Amino acid sequence: MIIAIVAGFIGLPAAVCAGACAVGLSAAGNSSDHDSNAAGNVFMFFGVIAAILAIVGGILINKPSKIGPIIQAVALALTCVTCITLSPMSFFVALLLLISTILGFLSKKQKI
């Protein structure tokens, strides 16, 4: 639970970093400014959505249903998309979400 929430809060600046890396990589590839900014916006959007989903999944991880780990798996997939930008923070967040998702699927839920 804590790992996913920490990954979500680290994921917010990682989204900005992924957006900046996407702009830099696009500009280095001789793309126009408009295309570079569009690429940065897309990766930043994916990162922010992944961070929000990671926080929500971390909160729901202790519920009896498997909805928390499923939400975390979606956040992990979106974070892996942002890893294309070679952002080191995105790799770290993806690693934390991978650990949290595996632990969420393998843990036994407490019935209240």
PDB file of N, CA and C in Angstrom:
ATOM      1  N   MET A   1       0.828  -1.178   0.000  1.00  0.00           N
ATOM      2  CA  MET A   1       0.000   0.000   0.000  1.00  0.00           C
ATOM      3  C   MET A   1       0.880   1.253   0.000  1.00  0.00           C
ATOM      4  N   ILE A   2       1.829   1.298   0.904  1.00  0.00           N
ATOM      5  CA  ILE A   2       2.680   2.481   1.017  1.00  0.00           C
ATOM      6  C   ILE A   2       3.544   2.645  -0.227  1.00  0.00           C
ATOM      7  N   ILE A   3       4.013   1.520  -0.779  1.00  0.00           N
ATOM      8  CA  ILE A   3       4.877   1.595  -1.961  1.00  0.00           C
ATOM      9  C   ILE A   3       4.132   2.252  -3.123  1.00  0.00           C
ATOM     10  N   ALA A   4       2.878   1.889  -3.320  1.00  0.00           N
ATOM     11  CA  ALA A   4       2.099   2.450  -4.430  1.00  0.00           C
ATOM     12  C   ALA A   4       1.822   3.932  -4.220  1.00  0.00           C
ATOM     13  N   ILE A   5       1.526   4.318  -2.990  1.00  0.00           N
ATOM     14  CA  ILE A   5       1.252   5.728  -2.726  1.00  0.00           C
ATOM     15  C   ILE A   5       2.522   6.561  -2.905  1.00  0.00           C
ATOM     16  N   VAL A   6       3.652   6.033  -2.435  1.00  0.00           N
ATOM     17  CA  VAL A   6       4.929   6.727  -2.636  1.00  0.00           C
ATOM     18  C   VAL A   6       5.234   6.830  -4.128  1.00  0.00           C
ATOM     19  N   ALA A   7       4.995   5.741  -4.862  1.00  0.00           N
ATOM     20  CA  ALA A   7       5.217   5.764  -6.315  1.00  0.00           C
ATOM     21  C   ALA A   7       4.323   6.799  -6.983  1.00  0.00           C
ATOM     22  N   GLY A   8       3.102   6.941  -6.500  1.00  0.00           N
ATOM     23  CA  GLY A   8       2.200   7.936  -7.063  1.00  0.00           C
ATOM     24  C   GLY A   8       2.688   9.355  -6.841  1.00  0.00           C
ATOM     25  N   PHE A   9       3.179   9.629  -5.628  1.00  0.00           N
ATOM     26  CA  PHE A   9       3.659  10.985  -5.356  1.00  0.00           C
ATOM     27  C   PHE A   9       4.985  11.271  -6.039  1.00  0.00           C
ATOM     28  N   ILE A  10       5.829  10.257  -6.199  1.00  0.00           N
ATOM     29  CA  ILE A  10       7.059  10.446  -6.969  1.00  0.00           C
ATOM     30  C   ILE A  10       6.725  10.544  -8.455  1.00  0.00           C
ATOM     31  N   GLY A  11       5.628   9.917  -8.856  1.00  0.00           N
ATOM     32  CA  GLY A  11       5.208   9.933 -10.251  1.00  0.00           C
ATOM     33  C   GLY A  11       4.780  11.299 -10.754  1.00  0.00           C
ATOM     34  N   LEU A  12       4.354  12.174  -9.855  1.00  0.00           N
ATOM     35  CA  LEU A  12       3.946  13.518 -10.299  1.00  0.00           C
ATOM     36  C   LEU A  12       5.124  14.313 -10.857  1.00  0.00           C
ATOM     37  N   PRO A  13       6.249  14.430 -10.135  1.00  0.00           N
ATOM     38  CA  PRO A  13       7.386  15.100 -10.775  1.00  0.00           C
ATOM     39  C   PRO A  13       7.997  14.273 -11.904  1.00  0.00           C
ATOM     40  N   ALA A  14       7.836  12.950 -11.836  1.00  0.00           N
ATOM     41  CA  ALA A  14       8.331  12.104 -12.926  1.00  0.00           C
ATOM     42  C   ALA A  14       7.570  12.381 -14.215  1.00  0.00           C
ATOM     43  N   ALA A  15       6.288  12.744 -14.103  1.00  0.00           N
ATOM     44  CA  ALA A  15       5.503  13.079 -15.289  1.00  0.00           C
ATOM     45  C   ALA A  15       6.040  14.342 -15.945  1.00  0.00           C
ATOM     46  N   VAL A  16       6.407  15.320 -15.123  1.00  0.00           N
ATOM     47  CA  VAL A  16       6.988  16.547 -15.666  1.00  0.00           C
ATOM     48  C   VAL A  16       8.333  16.243 -16.316  1.00  0.00           C
ATOM     49  N   CYS A  17       9.104  15.389 -15.662  1.00  0.00           N
ATOM     50  CA  CYS A  17      10.411  15.005 -16.203  1.00  0.00           C
ATOM     51  C   CYS A  17      10.249  14.250 -17.527  1.00  0.00           C
ATOM     52  N   ALA A  18       9.261  13.358 -17.599  1.00  0.00           N
ATOM     53  CA  ALA A  18       9.025  12.610 -18.840  1.00  0.00           C
ATOM     54  C   ALA A  18       8.599  13.552 -19.958  1.00  0.00           C
ATOM     55  N   GLY A  19       7.767  14.535 -19.633  1.00  0.00           N
ATOM     56  CA  GLY A  19       7.370  15.513 -20.637  1.00  0.00           C
ATOM     57  C   GLY A  19       8.541  16.320 -21.142  1.00  0.00           C
ATOM     58  N   ALA A  20       9.403  16.741 -20.208  1.00  0.00           N
ATOM     59  CA  ALA A  20      10.584  17.521 -20.602  1.00  0.00           C
ATOM     60  C   ALA A  20      11.546  16.669 -21.430  1.00  0.00           C
ATOM     61  N   CYS A  21      11.704  15.411 -21.052  1.00  0.00           N
ATOM     62  CA  CYS A  21      12.579  14.515 -21.817  1.00  0.00           C
ATOM     63  C   CYS A  21      12.020  14.274 -23.221  1.00  0.00           C
ATOM     64  N   ALA A  22      10.697  14.161 -23.322  1.00  0.00           N
ATOM     65  CA  ALA A  22      10.083  13.957 -24.634  1.00  0.00           C
ATOM     66  C   ALA A  22      10.294  15.174 -25.525  1.00  0.00           C
ATOM     67  N   VAL A  23      10.178  16.357 -24.953  1.00  0.00           N
ATOM     68  CA  VAL A  23      10.421  17.573 -25.731  1.00  0.00           C
ATOM     69  C   VAL A  23      11.877  17.631 -26.179  1.00  0.00           C
ATOM     70  N   GLY A  24      12.786  17.296 -25.276  1.00  0.00           N
ATOM     71  CA  GLY A  24      14.203  17.325 -25.620  1.00  0.00           C
ATOM     72  C   GLY A  24      14.562  16.305 -26.682  1.00  0.00           C
ATOM     73  N   LEU A  25      14.020  15.093 -26.569  1.00  0.00           N
ATOM     74  CA  LEU A  25      14.306  14.070 -27.570  1.00  0.00           C
ATOM     75  C   LEU A  25      13.697  14.422 -28.926  1.00  0.00           C
ATOM     76  N   SER A  26      12.503  15.020 -28.890  1.00  0.00           N
ATOM     77  CA  SER A  26      11.870  15.408 -30.152  1.00  0.00           C
ATOM     78  C   SER A  26      12.636  16.550 -30.814  1.00  0.00           C
ATOM     79  N   ALA A  27      13.099  17.497 -30.012  1.00  0.00           N
ATOM     80  CA  ALA A  27      13.855  18.621 -30.567  1.00  0.00           C
ATOM     81  C   ALA A  27      15.206  18.145 -31.107  1.00  0.00           C
ATOM     82  N   ALA A  28      15.798  17.165 -30.453  1.00  0.00           N
ATOM     83  CA  ALA A  28      17.080  16.632 -30.925  1.00  0.00           C
ATOM     84  C   ALA A  28      16.910  15.882 -32.237  1.00  0.00           C
ATOM     85  N   GLY A  29      15.715  15.381 -32.467  1.00  0.00           N
ATOM     86  CA  GLY A  29      15.433  14.666 -33.710  1.00  0.00           C
ATOM     87  C   GLY A  29      14.995  15.583 -34.834  1.00  0.00           C
ATOM     88  N   ASN A  30      15.230  16.867 -34.690  1.00  0.00           N
ATOM     89  CA  ASN A  30      14.910  17.874 -35.708  1.00  0.00           C
ATOM     90  C   ASN A  30      13.411  17.957 -36.005  1.00  0.00           C
ATOM     91  N   SER A  31      12.586  17.782 -34.977  1.00  0.00           N
ATOM     92  CA  SER A  31      11.151  17.975 -35.128  1.00  0.00           C
ATOM     93  C   SER A  31      10.828  19.448 -34.950  1.00  0.00           C
ATOM     94  N   SER A  32       9.668  19.853 -35.416  1.00  0.00           N
ATOM     95  CA  SER A  32       9.260  21.245 -35.228  1.00  0.00           C
ATOM     96  C   SER A  32       8.910  21.487 -33.762  1.00  0.00           C
ATOM     97  N   ASP A  33       8.845  22.758 -33.390  1.00  0.00           N
ATOM     98  CA  ASP A  33       8.513  23.097 -32.007  1.00  0.00           C
ATOM     99  C   ASP A  33       7.114  22.614 -31.633  1.00  0.00           C
ATOM    100  N   HIS A  34       6.193  22.697 -32.570  1.00  0.00           N
ATOM    101  CA  HIS A  34       4.830  22.251 -32.306  1.00  0.00           C
ATOM    102  C   HIS A  34       4.799  20.754 -32.036  1.00  0.00           C
ATOM    103  N   ASP A  35       5.509  19.969 -32.826  1.00  0.00           N
ATOM    104  CA  ASP A  35       5.547  18.521 -32.625  1.00  0.00           C
ATOM    105  C   ASP A  35       6.241  18.157 -31.317  1.00  0.00           C
ATOM    106  N   SER A  36       7.297  18.872 -30.977  1.00  0.00           N
ATOM    107  CA  SER A  36       8.013  18.616 -29.727  1.00  0.00           C
ATOM    108  C   SER A  36       7.127  18.895 -28.523  1.00  0.00           C
ATOM    109  N   ASN A  37       6.410  20.014 -28.558  1.00  0.00           N
ATOM    110  CA  ASN A  37       5.507  20.346 -27.457  1.00  0.00           C
ATOM    111  C   ASN A  37       4.360  19.354 -27.349  1.00  0.00           C
ATOM    112  N   ALA A  38       3.851  18.901 -28.473  1.00  0.00           N
ATOM    113  CA  ALA A  38       2.764  17.911 -28.451  1.00  0.00           C
ATOM    114  C   ALA A  38       3.243  16.603 -27.834  1.00  0.00           C
ATOM    115  N   ALA A  39       4.453  16.175 -28.171  1.00  0.00           N
ATOM    116  CA  ALA A  39       5.001  14.946 -27.586  1.00  0.00           C
ATOM    117  C   ALA A  39       5.177  15.099 -26.079  1.00  0.00           C
ATOM    118  N   GLY A  40       5.665  16.246 -25.659  1.00  0.00           N
ATOM    119  CA  GLY A  40       5.820  16.495 -24.227  1.00  0.00           C
ATOM    120  C   GLY A  40       4.499  16.478 -23.485  1.00  0.00           C
ATOM    121  N   ASN A  41       3.473  17.066 -24.092  1.00  0.00           N
ATOM    122  CA  ASN A  41       2.149  17.080 -23.463  1.00  0.00           C
ATOM    123  C   ASN A  41       1.563  15.681 -23.333  1.00  0.00           C
ATOM    124  N   VAL A  42       1.751  14.850 -24.347  1.00  0.00           N
ATOM    125  CA  VAL A  42       1.211  13.485 -24.310  1.00  0.00           C
ATOM    126  C   VAL A  42       1.861  12.680 -23.191  1.00  0.00           C
ATOM    127  N   PHE A  43       3.185  12.728 -23.108  1.00  0.00           N
ATOM    128  CA  PHE A  43       3.863  11.943 -22.086  1.00  0.00           C
ATOM    129  C   PHE A  43       3.613  12.492 -20.684  1.00  0.00           C
ATOM    130  N   MET A  44       3.458  13.795 -20.560  1.00  0.00           N
ATOM    131  CA  MET A  44       3.131  14.370 -19.263  1.00  0.00           C
ATOM    132  C   MET A  44       1.718  13.951 -18.842  1.00  0.00           C
ATOM    133  N   PHE A  45       0.791  13.926 -19.787  1.00  0.00           N
ATOM    134  CA  PHE A  45      -0.577  13.490 -19.496  1.00  0.00           C
ATOM    135  C   PHE A  45      -0.579  12.034 -19.026  1.00  0.00           C
ATOM    136  N   PHE A  46       0.135  11.159 -19.737  1.00  0.00           N
ATOM    137  CA  PHE A  46       0.218   9.756 -19.326  1.00  0.00           C
ATOM    138  C   PHE A  46       0.805   9.625 -17.928  1.00  0.00           C
ATOM    139  N   GLY A  47       1.831  10.404 -17.636  1.00  0.00           N
ATOM    140  CA  GLY A  47       2.471  10.340 -16.327  1.00  0.00           C
ATOM    141  C   GLY A  47       1.571  10.803 -15.199  1.00  0.00           C
ATOM    142  N   VAL A  48       0.821  11.877 -15.424  1.00  0.00           N
ATOM    143  CA  VAL A  48      -0.078  12.388 -14.386  1.00  0.00           C
ATOM    144  C   VAL A  48      -1.217  11.400 -14.138  1.00  0.00           C
ATOM    145  N   ILE A  49      -1.789  10.852 -15.201  1.00  0.00           N
ATOM    146  CA  ILE A  49      -2.856   9.857 -15.034  1.00  0.00           C
ATOM    147  C   ILE A  49      -2.326   8.625 -14.305  1.00  0.00           C
ATOM    148  N   ALA A  50      -1.107   8.174 -14.641  1.00  0.00           N
ATOM    149  CA  ALA A  50      -0.509   7.026 -13.967  1.00  0.00           C
ATOM    150  C   ALA A  50      -0.283   7.314 -12.486  1.00  0.00           C
ATOM    151  N   ALA A  51       0.155   8.530 -12.156  1.00  0.00           N
ATOM    152  CA  ALA A  51       0.386   8.888 -10.756  1.00  0.00           C
ATOM    153  C   ALA A  51      -0.922   8.900  -9.964  1.00  0.00           C
ATOM    154  N   ILE A  52      -1.967   9.447 -10.550  1.00  0.00           N
ATOM    155  CA  ILE A  52      -3.271   9.472  -9.872  1.00  0.00           C
ATOM    156  C   ILE A  52      -3.792   8.051  -9.677  1.00  0.00           C
ATOM    157  N   LEU A  53      -3.668   7.211 -10.702  1.00  0.00           N
ATOM    158  CA  LEU A  53      -4.116   5.823 -10.583  1.00  0.00           C
ATOM    159  C   LEU A  53      -3.298   5.051  -9.553  1.00  0.00           C
ATOM    160  N   ALA A  54      -2.004   5.339  -9.458  1.00  0.00           N
ATOM    161  CA  ALA A  54      -1.164   4.664  -8.463  1.00  0.00           C
ATOM    162  C   ALA A  54      -1.599   5.022  -7.048  1.00  0.00           C
ATOM    163  N   ILE A  55      -1.930   6.278  -6.819  1.00  0.00           N
ATOM    164  CA  ILE A  55      -2.386   6.688  -5.491  1.00  0.00           C
ATOM    165  C   ILE A  55      -3.725   6.039  -5.161  1.00  0.00           C
ATOM    166  N   VAL A  56      -4.655   6.052  -6.113  1.00  0.00           N
ATOM    167  CA  VAL A  56      -5.970   5.426  -5.890  1.00  0.00           C
ATOM    168  C   VAL A  56      -5.813   3.923  -5.690  1.00  0.00           C
ATOM    169  N   GLY A  57      -4.976   3.276  -6.503  1.00  0.00           N
ATOM    170  CA  GLY A  57      -4.745   1.839  -6.352  1.00  0.00           C
ATOM    171  C   GLY A  57      -4.102   1.509  -5.022  1.00  0.00           C
ATOM    172  N   GLY A  58      -3.204   2.373  -4.549  1.00  0.00           N
ATOM    173  CA  GLY A  58      -2.584   2.151  -3.248  1.00  0.00           C
ATOM    174  C   GLY A  58      -3.573   2.270  -2.106  1.00  0.00           C
ATOM    175  N   ILE A  59      -4.541   3.149  -2.249  1.00  0.00           N
ATOM    176  CA  ILE A  59      -5.565   3.293  -1.216  1.00  0.00           C
ATOM    177  C   ILE A  59      -6.504   2.088  -1.225  1.00  0.00           C
ATOM    178  N   LEU A  60      -6.818   1.582  -2.413  1.00  0.00           N
ATOM    179  CA  LEU A  60      -7.767   0.466  -2.535  1.00  0.00           C
ATOM    180  C   LEU A  60      -7.119  -0.914  -2.423  1.00  0.00           C
ATOM    181  N   ILE A  61      -5.819  -0.985  -2.195  1.00  0.00           N
ATOM    182  CA  ILE A  61      -5.118  -2.264  -2.220  1.00  0.00           C
ATOM    183  C   ILE A  61      -5.569  -3.201  -1.101  1.00  0.00           C
ATOM    184  N   ASN A  62      -6.018  -2.674   0.023  1.00  0.00           N
ATOM    185  CA  ASN A  62      -6.413  -3.527   1.145  1.00  0.00           C
ATOM    186  C   ASN A  62      -7.872  -3.963   1.095  1.00  0.00           C
ATOM    187  N   LYS A  63      -8.580  -3.574   0.079  1.00  0.00           N
ATOM    188  CA  LYS A  63      -9.968  -3.999  -0.051  1.00  0.00           C
ATOM    189  C   LYS A  63     -10.009  -5.472  -0.471  1.00  0.00           C
ATOM    190  N   PRO A  64     -11.084  -6.190  -0.143  1.00  0.00           N
ATOM    191  CA  PRO A  64     -11.155  -7.620  -0.481  1.00  0.00           C
ATOM    192  C   PRO A  64     -11.146  -7.911  -1.991  1.00  0.00           C
ATOM    193  N   SER A  65     -11.608  -6.994  -2.793  1.00  0.00           N
ATOM    194  CA  SER A  65     -11.608  -7.236  -4.240  1.00  0.00           C
ATOM    195  C   SER A  65     -10.223  -6.994  -4.813  1.00  0.00           C
ATOM    196  N   LYS A  66     -10.025  -7.387  -6.045  1.00  0.00           N
ATOM    197  CA  LYS A  66      -8.730  -7.207  -6.717  1.00  0.00           C
ATOM    198  C   LYS A  66      -8.677  -5.910  -7.516  1.00  0.00           C
ATOM    199  N   ILE A  67      -9.546  -4.952  -7.214  1.00  0.00           N
ATOM    200  CA  ILE A  67      -9.586  -3.713  -7.988  1.00  0.00           C
ATOM    201  C   ILE A  67      -8.329  -2.867  -7.767  1.00  0.00           C
ATOM    202  N   GLY A  68      -7.755  -2.887  -6.565  1.00  0.00           N
ATOM    203  CA  GLY A  68      -6.551  -2.107  -6.288  1.00  0.00           C
ATOM    204  C   GLY A  68      -5.362  -2.537  -7.133  1.00  0.00           C
ATOM    205  N   PRO A  69      -5.033  -3.842  -7.133  1.00  0.00           N
ATOM    206  CA  PRO A  69      -3.921  -4.279  -7.987  1.00  0.00           C
ATOM    207  C   PRO A  69      -4.179  -4.102  -9.477  1.00  0.00           C
ATOM    208  N   ILE A  70      -5.432  -4.182  -9.902  1.00  0.00           N
ATOM    209  CA  ILE A  70      -5.746  -3.973 -11.314  1.00  0.00           C
ATOM    210  C   ILE A  70      -5.496  -2.511 -11.689  1.00  0.00           C
ATOM    211  N   ILE A  71      -5.912  -1.591 -10.814  1.00  0.00           N
ATOM    212  CA  ILE A  71      -5.657  -0.165 -11.062  1.00  0.00           C
ATOM    213  C   ILE A  71      -4.157   0.098 -11.083  1.00  0.00           C
ATOM    214  N   GLN A  72      -3.420  -0.556 -10.184  1.00  0.00           N
ATOM    215  CA  GLN A  72      -1.972  -0.393 -10.172  1.00  0.00           C
ATOM    216  C   GLN A  72      -1.332  -0.948 -11.443  1.00  0.00           C
ATOM    217  N   ALA A  73      -1.882  -2.048 -11.969  1.00  0.00           N
ATOM    218  CA  ALA A  73      -1.348  -2.607 -13.208  1.00  0.00           C
ATOM    219  C   ALA A  73      -1.552  -1.639 -14.373  1.00  0.00           C
ATOM    220  N   VAL A  74      -2.688  -0.950 -14.395  1.00  0.00           N
ATOM    221  CA  VAL A  74      -2.931   0.057 -15.433  1.00  0.00           C
ATOM    222  C   VAL A  74      -1.956   1.223 -15.266  1.00  0.00           C
ATOM    223  N   ALA A  75      -1.732   1.639 -14.012  1.00  0.00           N
ATOM    224  CA  ALA A  75      -0.762   2.710 -13.751  1.00  0.00           C
ATOM    225  C   ALA A  75       0.641   2.280 -14.169  1.00  0.00           C
ATOM    226  N   LEU A  76       0.965   1.013 -13.932  1.00  0.00           N
ATOM    227  CA  LEU A  76       2.272   0.492 -14.348  1.00  0.00           C
ATOM    228  C   LEU A  76       2.417   0.524 -15.861  1.00  0.00           C
ATOM    229  N   ALA A  77       1.355   0.152 -16.576  1.00  0.00           N
ATOM    230  CA  ALA A  77       1.412   0.173 -18.042  1.00  0.00           C
ATOM    231  C   ALA A  77       1.617   1.592 -18.561  1.00  0.00           C
ATOM    232  N   LEU A  78       0.902   2.549 -17.990  1.00  0.00           N
ATOM    233  CA  LEU A  78       1.071   3.943 -18.421  1.00  0.00           C
ATOM    234  C   LEU A  78       2.454   4.476 -18.070  1.00  0.00           C
ATOM    235  N   THR A  79       2.976   4.070 -16.921  1.00  0.00           N
ATOM    236  CA  THR A  79       4.318   4.500 -16.534  1.00  0.00           C
ATOM    237  C   THR A  79       5.362   3.893 -17.465  1.00  0.00           C
ATOM    238  N   CYS A  80       5.144   2.650 -17.877  1.00  0.00           N
ATOM    239  CA  CYS A  80       6.077   2.025 -18.828  1.00  0.00           C
ATOM    240  C   CYS A  80       6.061   2.752 -20.170  1.00  0.00           C
ATOM    241  N   VAL A  81       4.918   3.313 -20.541  1.00  0.00           N
ATOM    242  CA  VAL A  81       4.862   4.114 -21.767  1.00  0.00           C
ATOM    243  C   VAL A  81       5.735   5.357 -21.616  1.00  0.00           C
ATOM    244  N   THR A  82       5.719   5.972 -20.434  1.00  0.00           N
ATOM    245  CA  THR A  82       6.546   7.162 -20.235  1.00  0.00           C
ATOM    246  C   THR A  82       8.029   6.818 -20.132  1.00  0.00           C
ATOM    247  N   CYS A  83       8.355   5.553 -19.901  1.00  0.00           N
ATOM    248  CA  CYS A  83       9.773   5.142 -19.854  1.00  0.00           C
ATOM    249  C   CYS A  83      10.431   5.241 -21.231  1.00  0.00           C
ATOM    250  N   ILE A  84       9.631   5.354 -22.280  1.00  0.00           N
ATOM    251  CA  ILE A  84      10.174   5.523 -23.631  1.00  0.00           C
ATOM    252  C   ILE A  84      11.013   6.792 -23.715  1.00  0.00           C
ATOM    253  N   THR A  85      10.696   7.775 -22.889  1.00  0.00           N
ATOM    254  CA  THR A  85      11.424   9.048 -22.918  1.00  0.00           C
ATOM    255  C   THR A  85      12.778   8.979 -22.223  1.00  0.00           C
ATOM    256  N   LEU A  86      13.130   7.822 -21.685  1.00  0.00           N
ATOM    257  CA  LEU A  86      14.402   7.594 -20.991  1.00  0.00           C
ATOM    258  C   LEU A  86      14.541   8.437 -19.731  1.00  0.00           C
ATOM    259  N   SER A  87      13.435   8.742 -19.099  1.00  0.00           N
ATOM    260  CA  SER A  87      13.438   9.499 -17.855  1.00  0.00           C
ATOM    261  C   SER A  87      13.788   8.564 -16.694  1.00  0.00           C
ATOM    262  N   PRO A  88      14.850   8.860 -15.943  1.00  0.00           N
ATOM    263  CA  PRO A  88      15.227   7.973 -14.832  1.00  0.00           C
ATOM    264  C   PRO A  88      14.160   7.888 -13.744  1.00  0.00           C
ATOM    265  N   MET A  89      13.439   8.970 -13.531  1.00  0.00           N
ATOM    266  CA  MET A  89      12.382   8.939 -12.513  1.00  0.00           C
ATOM    267  C   MET A  89      11.250   8.011 -12.933  1.00  0.00           C
ATOM    268  N   SER A  90      10.954   7.950 -14.219  1.00  0.00           N
ATOM    269  CA  SER A  90       9.909   7.049 -14.698  1.00  0.00           C
ATOM    270  C   SER A  90      10.302   5.592 -14.490  1.00  0.00           C
ATOM    271  N   PHE A  91      11.581   5.292 -14.688  1.00  0.00           N
ATOM    272  CA  PHE A  91      12.048   3.926 -14.443  1.00  0.00           C
ATOM    273  C   PHE A  91      11.902   3.560 -12.967  1.00  0.00           C
ATOM    274  N   PHE A  92      12.225   4.500 -12.073  1.00  0.00           N
ATOM    275  CA  PHE A  92      12.110   4.251 -10.642  1.00  0.00           C
ATOM    276  C   PHE A  92      10.652   4.053 -10.236  1.00  0.00           C
ATOM    277  N   VAL A  93       9.766   4.880 -10.754  1.00  0.00           N
ATOM    278  CA  VAL A  93       8.340   4.752 -10.448  1.00  0.00           C
ATOM    279  C   VAL A  93       7.800   3.432 -11.002  1.00  0.00           C
ATOM    280  N   ALA A  94       8.236   3.040 -12.193  1.00  0.00           N
ATOM    281  CA  ALA A  94       7.793   1.764 -12.765  1.00  0.00           C
ATOM    282  C   ALA A  94       8.252   0.603 -11.902  1.00  0.00           C
ATOM    283  N   LEU A  95       9.463   0.664 -11.377  1.00  0.00           N
ATOM    284  CA  LEU A  95       9.956  -0.399 -10.505  1.00  0.00           C
ATOM    285  C   LEU A  95       9.129  -0.484  -9.224  1.00  0.00           C
ATOM    286  N   LEU A  96       8.837   0.662  -8.612  1.00  0.00           N
ATOM    287  CA  LEU A  96       8.007   0.663  -7.403  1.00  0.00           C
ATOM    288  C   LEU A  96       6.607   0.126  -7.681  1.00  0.00           C
ATOM    289  N   LEU A  97       6.029   0.521  -8.805  1.00  0.00           N
ATOM    290  CA  LEU A  97       4.685   0.039  -9.141  1.00  0.00           C
ATOM    291  C   LEU A  97       4.688  -1.452  -9.466  1.00  0.00           C
ATOM    292  N   LEU A  98       5.752  -1.936 -10.087  1.00  0.00           N
ATOM    293  CA  LEU A  98       5.847  -3.374 -10.371  1.00  0.00           C
ATOM    294  C   LEU A  98       5.873  -4.171  -9.070  1.00  0.00           C
ATOM    295  N   ILE A  99       6.689  -3.734  -8.118  1.00  0.00           N
ATOM    296  CA  ILE A  99       6.756  -4.418  -6.822  1.00  0.00           C
ATOM    297  C   ILE A  99       5.405  -4.363  -6.115  1.00  0.00           C
ATOM    298  N   SER A 100       4.788  -3.200  -6.102  1.00  0.00           N
ATOM    299  CA  SER A 100       3.507  -3.034  -5.421  1.00  0.00           C
ATOM    300  C   SER A 100       2.393  -3.849  -6.083  1.00  0.00           C
ATOM    301  N   THR A 101       2.401  -3.903  -7.401  1.00  0.00           N
ATOM    302  CA  THR A 101       1.370  -4.663  -8.109  1.00  0.00           C
ATOM    303  C   THR A 101       1.518  -6.158  -7.842  1.00  0.00           C
ATOM    304  N   ILE A 102       2.740  -6.659  -7.876  1.00  0.00           N
ATOM    305  CA  ILE A 102       2.964  -8.078  -7.599  1.00  0.00           C
ATOM    306  C   ILE A 102       2.550  -8.413  -6.171  1.00  0.00           C
ATOM    307  N   LEU A 103       2.961  -7.578  -5.222  1.00  0.00           N
ATOM    308  CA  LEU A 103       2.573  -7.813  -3.831  1.00  0.00           C
ATOM    309  C   LEU A 103       1.058  -7.718  -3.646  1.00  0.00           C
ATOM    310  N   GLY A 104       0.419  -6.825  -4.376  1.00  0.00           N
ATOM    311  CA  GLY A 104      -1.033  -6.687  -4.271  1.00  0.00           C
ATOM    312  C   GLY A 104      -1.779  -7.909  -4.789  1.00  0.00           C
ATOM    313  N   PHE A 105      -1.297  -8.487  -5.878  1.00  0.00           N
ATOM    314  CA  PHE A 105      -1.951  -9.677  -6.405  1.00  0.00           C
ATOM    315  C   PHE A 105      -1.675 -10.915  -5.555  1.00  0.00           C
ATOM    316  N   LEU A 106      -0.517 -10.973  -4.902  1.00  0.00           N
ATOM    317  CA  LEU A 106      -0.146 -12.164  -4.139  1.00  0.00           C
ATOM    318  C   LEU A 106      -0.580 -12.122  -2.679  1.00  0.00           C
ATOM    319  N   SER A 107      -0.965 -10.963  -2.181  1.00  0.00           N
ATOM    320  CA  SER A 107      -1.314 -10.862  -0.767  1.00  0.00           C
ATOM    321  C   SER A 107      -2.700 -11.434  -0.501  1.00  0.00           C
ATOM    322  N   LYS A 108      -2.861 -11.944   0.704  1.00  0.00           N
ATOM    323  CA  LYS A 108      -4.164 -12.434   1.128  1.00  0.00           C
ATOM    324  C   LYS A 108      -4.918 -11.286   1.763  1.00  0.00           C
ATOM    325  N   LYS A 109      -6.142 -11.121   1.349  1.00  0.00           N
ATOM    326  CA  LYS A 109      -6.958  -9.995   1.829  1.00  0.00           C
ATOM    327  C   LYS A 109      -7.609 -10.370   3.160  1.00  0.00           C
ATOM    328  N   GLN A 110      -7.668  -9.388   4.054  1.00  0.00           N
ATOM    329  CA  GLN A 110      -8.326  -9.600   5.335  1.00  0.00           C
ATOM    330  C   GLN A 110      -9.812  -9.346   5.176  1.00  0.00           C
ATOM    331  N   LYS A 111     -10.609 -10.257   5.709  1.00  0.00           N
ATOM    332  CA  LYS A 111     -12.061 -10.055   5.667  1.00  0.00           C
ATOM    333  C   LYS A 111     -12.479  -9.387   6.973  1.00  0.00           C
ATOM    334  N   ILE A 112     -13.231  -8.336   6.819  1.00  0.00           N
ATOM    335  CA  ILE A 112     -13.653  -7.571   8.009  1.00  0.00           C
ATOM    336  C   ILE A 112     -15.014  -8.033   8.455  1.00  0.00           C
TER     337      ILE A 112
END
